[in-house]
Amino acid sequence: MANESAANAARAAKLAEAQAAGARQAALSQTIGKYRDLISASVRGNTRLPDNAERQSAGALPGEAAAHRDVVSVRVTQSSGNPAYDDAVVRAIEKSSPLPLPPSARRALHLFPELSFTHRPKE
């Protein structure tokens, strides 16, 4: 009887820990999503597309942000197929510096050791 009670308590403790870990992961995902949305909105607001750029095209661009939220480097990882569009997005990311990241440099680096996203100006 005592062994059964101890086993039940151990199972309950493991279940509680798993639920807590799930809640922490959900909160982290929500925080990351919030800052990705803020960054995308900032970049989108700074994007000046050339006349020959299709508004449907997208280029995947990572930006490395220093602990002080400034953009350190930007590179195209997946071209939209239109160099003028890709250049416009790179300029928009650079113009968006400092990025809207958590005020704590340590937290920003934890959440975004390297930031990457796909830029779609219509979204």
C-alpha atoms as a PDB file:
ATOM      1  CA  MET A   1       0.000   0.000   0.000  1.00  0.00           C
ATOM      2  CA  ALA A   2       2.803   2.435   0.907  1.00  0.00           C
ATOM      3  CA  ASN A   3       4.690   1.536  -2.279  1.00  0.00           C
ATOM      4  CA  GLU A   4       1.568   2.155  -4.353  1.00  0.00           C
ATOM      5  CA  SER A   5       1.024   5.527  -2.672  1.00  0.00           C
ATOM      6  CA  ALA A   6       4.656   6.524  -3.277  1.00  0.00           C
ATOM      7  CA  ALA A   7       4.386   5.448  -6.929  1.00  0.00           C
ATOM      8  CA  ASN A   8       1.219   7.509  -7.369  1.00  0.00           C
ATOM      9  CA  ALA A   9       2.899  10.527  -5.795  1.00  0.00           C
ATOM     10  CA  ALA A  10       5.912  10.110  -8.103  1.00  0.00           C
ATOM     11  CA  ARG A  11       3.631   9.893 -11.172  1.00  0.00           C
ATOM     12  CA  ALA A  12       1.732  12.979 -10.033  1.00  0.00           C
ATOM     13  CA  ALA A  13       5.010  14.881  -9.546  1.00  0.00           C
ATOM     14  CA  LYS A  14       6.233  13.887 -13.027  1.00  0.00           C
ATOM     15  CA  LEU A  15       2.917  14.931 -14.553  1.00  0.00           C
ATOM     16  CA  ALA A  16       3.047  18.289 -12.770  1.00  0.00           C
ATOM     17  CA  GLU A  17       6.622  18.874 -13.969  1.00  0.00           C
ATOM     18  CA  ALA A  18       5.667  17.988 -17.551  1.00  0.00           C
ATOM     19  CA  GLN A  19       2.724  20.393 -17.410  1.00  0.00           C
ATOM     20  CA  ALA A  20       4.945  23.153 -16.010  1.00  0.00           C
ATOM     21  CA  ALA A  21       7.528  22.551 -18.748  1.00  0.00           C
ATOM     22  CA  GLY A  22       4.779  22.725 -21.367  1.00  0.00           C
ATOM     23  CA  ALA A  23       3.517  25.996 -19.910  1.00  0.00           C
ATOM     24  CA  ARG A  24       7.045  27.463 -19.922  1.00  0.00           C
ATOM     25  CA  GLN A  25       7.535  26.417 -23.562  1.00  0.00           C
ATOM     26  CA  ALA A  26       4.189  27.933 -24.568  1.00  0.00           C
ATOM     27  CA  ALA A  27       5.068  31.208 -22.840  1.00  0.00           C
ATOM     28  CA  LEU A  28       8.476  31.269 -24.539  1.00  0.00           C
ATOM     29  CA  SER A  29       6.915  30.616 -27.946  1.00  0.00           C
ATOM     30  CA  GLN A  30       4.414  33.403 -27.364  1.00  0.00           C
ATOM     31  CA  THR A  31       7.190  35.846 -26.384  1.00  0.00           C
ATOM     32  CA  ILE A  32       9.285  34.944 -29.417  1.00  0.00           C
ATOM     33  CA  GLY A  33       6.240  35.346 -31.675  1.00  0.00           C
ATOM     34  CA  LYS A  34       5.502  38.765 -30.188  1.00  0.00           C
ATOM     35  CA  TYR A  35       9.006  40.070 -30.906  1.00  0.00           C
ATOM     36  CA  ARG A  36       9.100  38.504 -34.391  1.00  0.00           C
ATOM     37  CA  ASP A  37       5.845  40.336 -35.173  1.00  0.00           C
ATOM     38  CA  LEU A  38       7.275  43.619 -33.863  1.00  0.00           C
ATOM     39  CA  ILE A  39      10.443  43.199 -35.913  1.00  0.00           C
ATOM     40  CA  SER A  40       8.504  42.266 -39.062  1.00  0.00           C
ATOM     41  CA  ALA A  41       6.249  45.310 -38.639  1.00  0.00           C
ATOM     42  CA  SER A  42       9.259  47.572 -38.211  1.00  0.00           C
ATOM     43  CA  VAL A  43      11.000  46.177 -41.287  1.00  0.00           C
ATOM     44  CA  ARG A  44       7.791  46.274 -43.333  1.00  0.00           C
ATOM     45  CA  GLY A  45       7.326  49.943 -42.395  1.00  0.00           C
ATOM     46  CA  ASN A  46      10.855  50.745 -43.575  1.00  0.00           C
ATOM     47  CA  THR A  47      10.631  48.832 -46.864  1.00  0.00           C
ATOM     48  CA  ARG A  48      10.656  50.968 -49.989  1.00  0.00           C
ATOM     49  CA  LEU A  49      10.231  48.563 -52.880  1.00  0.00           C
ATOM     50  CA  PRO A  50      11.554  49.421 -56.309  1.00  0.00           C
ATOM     51  CA  ASP A  51       9.010  49.886 -59.097  1.00  0.00           C
ATOM     52  CA  ASN A  52       9.964  46.598 -60.745  1.00  0.00           C
ATOM     53  CA  ALA A  53       9.487  44.518 -57.568  1.00  0.00           C
ATOM     54  CA  GLU A  54       6.578  42.129 -57.323  1.00  0.00           C
ATOM     55  CA  ARG A  55       4.787  42.655 -54.022  1.00  0.00           C
ATOM     56  CA  GLN A  56       4.236  38.890 -53.791  1.00  0.00           C
ATOM     57  CA  SER A  57       7.941  38.001 -53.739  1.00  0.00           C
ATOM     58  CA  ALA A  58       9.712  37.141 -50.525  1.00  0.00           C
ATOM     59  CA  GLY A  59      13.338  36.928 -49.457  1.00  0.00           C
ATOM     60  CA  ALA A  60      14.427  35.081 -46.334  1.00  0.00           C
ATOM     61  CA  LEU A  61      16.858  37.257 -44.440  1.00  0.00           C
ATOM     62  CA  PRO A  62      18.562  36.682 -41.127  1.00  0.00           C
ATOM     63  CA  GLY A  63      19.867  39.576 -39.102  1.00  0.00           C
ATOM     64  CA  GLU A  64      22.318  39.207 -36.297  1.00  0.00           C
ATOM     65  CA  ALA A  65      21.548  41.617 -33.474  1.00  0.00           C
ATOM     66  CA  ALA A  66      24.133  42.616 -30.933  1.00  0.00           C
ATOM     67  CA  ALA A  67      23.251  42.657 -27.259  1.00  0.00           C
ATOM     68  CA  HIS A  68      22.332  46.332 -27.631  1.00  0.00           C
ATOM     69  CA  ARG A  69      19.704  45.450 -30.306  1.00  0.00           C
ATOM     70  CA  ASP A  70      21.575  47.040 -33.204  1.00  0.00           C
ATOM     71  CA  VAL A  71      21.680  45.139 -36.483  1.00  0.00           C
ATOM     72  CA  VAL A  72      25.217  43.852 -36.915  1.00  0.00           C
ATOM     73  CA  SER A  73      24.854  42.116 -40.266  1.00  0.00           C
ATOM     74  CA  VAL A  74      22.184  41.155 -42.753  1.00  0.00           C
ATOM     75  CA  ARG A  75      22.448  38.625 -45.530  1.00  0.00           C
ATOM     76  CA  VAL A  76      20.056  37.096 -47.984  1.00  0.00           C
ATOM     77  CA  THR A  77      19.692  33.360 -47.438  1.00  0.00           C
ATOM     78  CA  GLN A  78      16.946  32.784 -49.993  1.00  0.00           C
ATOM     79  CA  SER A  79      16.652  35.288 -52.778  1.00  0.00           C
ATOM     80  CA  SER A  80      13.292  36.452 -54.013  1.00  0.00           C
ATOM     81  CA  GLY A  81      14.710  36.224 -57.545  1.00  0.00           C
ATOM     82  CA  ASN A  82      14.717  40.006 -57.834  1.00  0.00           C
ATOM     83  CA  PRO A  83      18.011  41.587 -56.706  1.00  0.00           C
ATOM     84  CA  ALA A  84      16.407  45.034 -56.402  1.00  0.00           C
ATOM     85  CA  TYR A  85      13.771  43.626 -54.045  1.00  0.00           C
ATOM     86  CA  ASP A  86      16.373  41.764 -51.983  1.00  0.00           C
ATOM     87  CA  ASP A  87      18.477  44.951 -51.693  1.00  0.00           C
ATOM     88  CA  ALA A  88      15.397  46.943 -50.615  1.00  0.00           C
ATOM     89  CA  VAL A  89      14.665  44.444 -47.839  1.00  0.00           C
ATOM     90  CA  VAL A  90      18.286  44.456 -46.653  1.00  0.00           C
ATOM     91  CA  ARG A  91      18.152  48.268 -46.475  1.00  0.00           C
ATOM     92  CA  ALA A  92      14.841  48.080 -44.587  1.00  0.00           C
ATOM     93  CA  ILE A  93      16.324  45.720 -41.997  1.00  0.00           C
ATOM     94  CA  GLU A  94      19.357  47.965 -41.564  1.00  0.00           C
ATOM     95  CA  LYS A  95      17.074  51.006 -41.235  1.00  0.00           C
ATOM     96  CA  SER A  96      15.033  49.187 -38.554  1.00  0.00           C
ATOM     97  CA  SER A  97      18.011  49.158 -36.200  1.00  0.00           C
ATOM     98  CA  PRO A  98      17.792  49.119 -33.239  1.00  0.00           C
ATOM     99  CA  LEU A  99      15.412  46.209 -33.391  1.00  0.00           C
ATOM    100  CA  PRO A 100      12.421  45.998 -31.066  1.00  0.00           C
ATOM    101  CA  LEU A 101      13.834  43.286 -28.810  1.00  0.00           C
ATOM    102  CA  PRO A 102      13.467  42.704 -25.074  1.00  0.00           C
ATOM    103  CA  PRO A 103      15.161  45.483 -23.091  1.00  0.00           C
ATOM    104  CA  SER A 104      17.335  42.951 -21.269  1.00  0.00           C
ATOM    105  CA  ALA A 105      20.336  42.165 -23.465  1.00  0.00           C
ATOM    106  CA  ARG A 106      20.716  38.767 -21.814  1.00  0.00           C
ATOM    107  CA  ARG A 107      17.070  37.881 -22.564  1.00  0.00           C
ATOM    108  CA  ALA A 108      17.361  39.146 -26.149  1.00  0.00           C
ATOM    109  CA  LEU A 109      20.407  36.970 -26.771  1.00  0.00           C
ATOM    110  CA  HIS A 110      18.660  33.996 -25.173  1.00  0.00           C
ATOM    111  CA  LEU A 111      15.542  34.376 -27.335  1.00  0.00           C
ATOM    112  CA  PHE A 112      17.295  35.395 -30.553  1.00  0.00           C
ATOM    113  CA  PRO A 113      20.922  34.222 -30.749  1.00  0.00           C
ATOM    114  CA  GLU A 114      20.497  34.641 -34.512  1.00  0.00           C
ATOM    115  CA  LEU A 115      17.350  36.123 -35.889  1.00  0.00           C
ATOM    116  CA  SER A 116      15.915  34.985 -39.199  1.00  0.00           C
ATOM    117  CA  PHE A 117      12.623  35.611 -40.870  1.00  0.00           C
ATOM    118  CA  THR A 118      10.957  35.748 -44.248  1.00  0.00           C
ATOM    119  CA  HIS A 119       9.926  39.194 -45.330  1.00  0.00           C
ATOM    120  CA  ARG A 120       6.586  39.486 -47.087  1.00  0.00           C
ATOM    121  CA  PRO A 121       5.520  43.121 -47.459  1.00  0.00           C
ATOM    122  CA  LYS A 122       1.801  42.323 -47.813  1.00  0.00           C
ATOM    123  CA  GLU A 123       1.483  40.399 -44.513  1.00  0.00           C
END
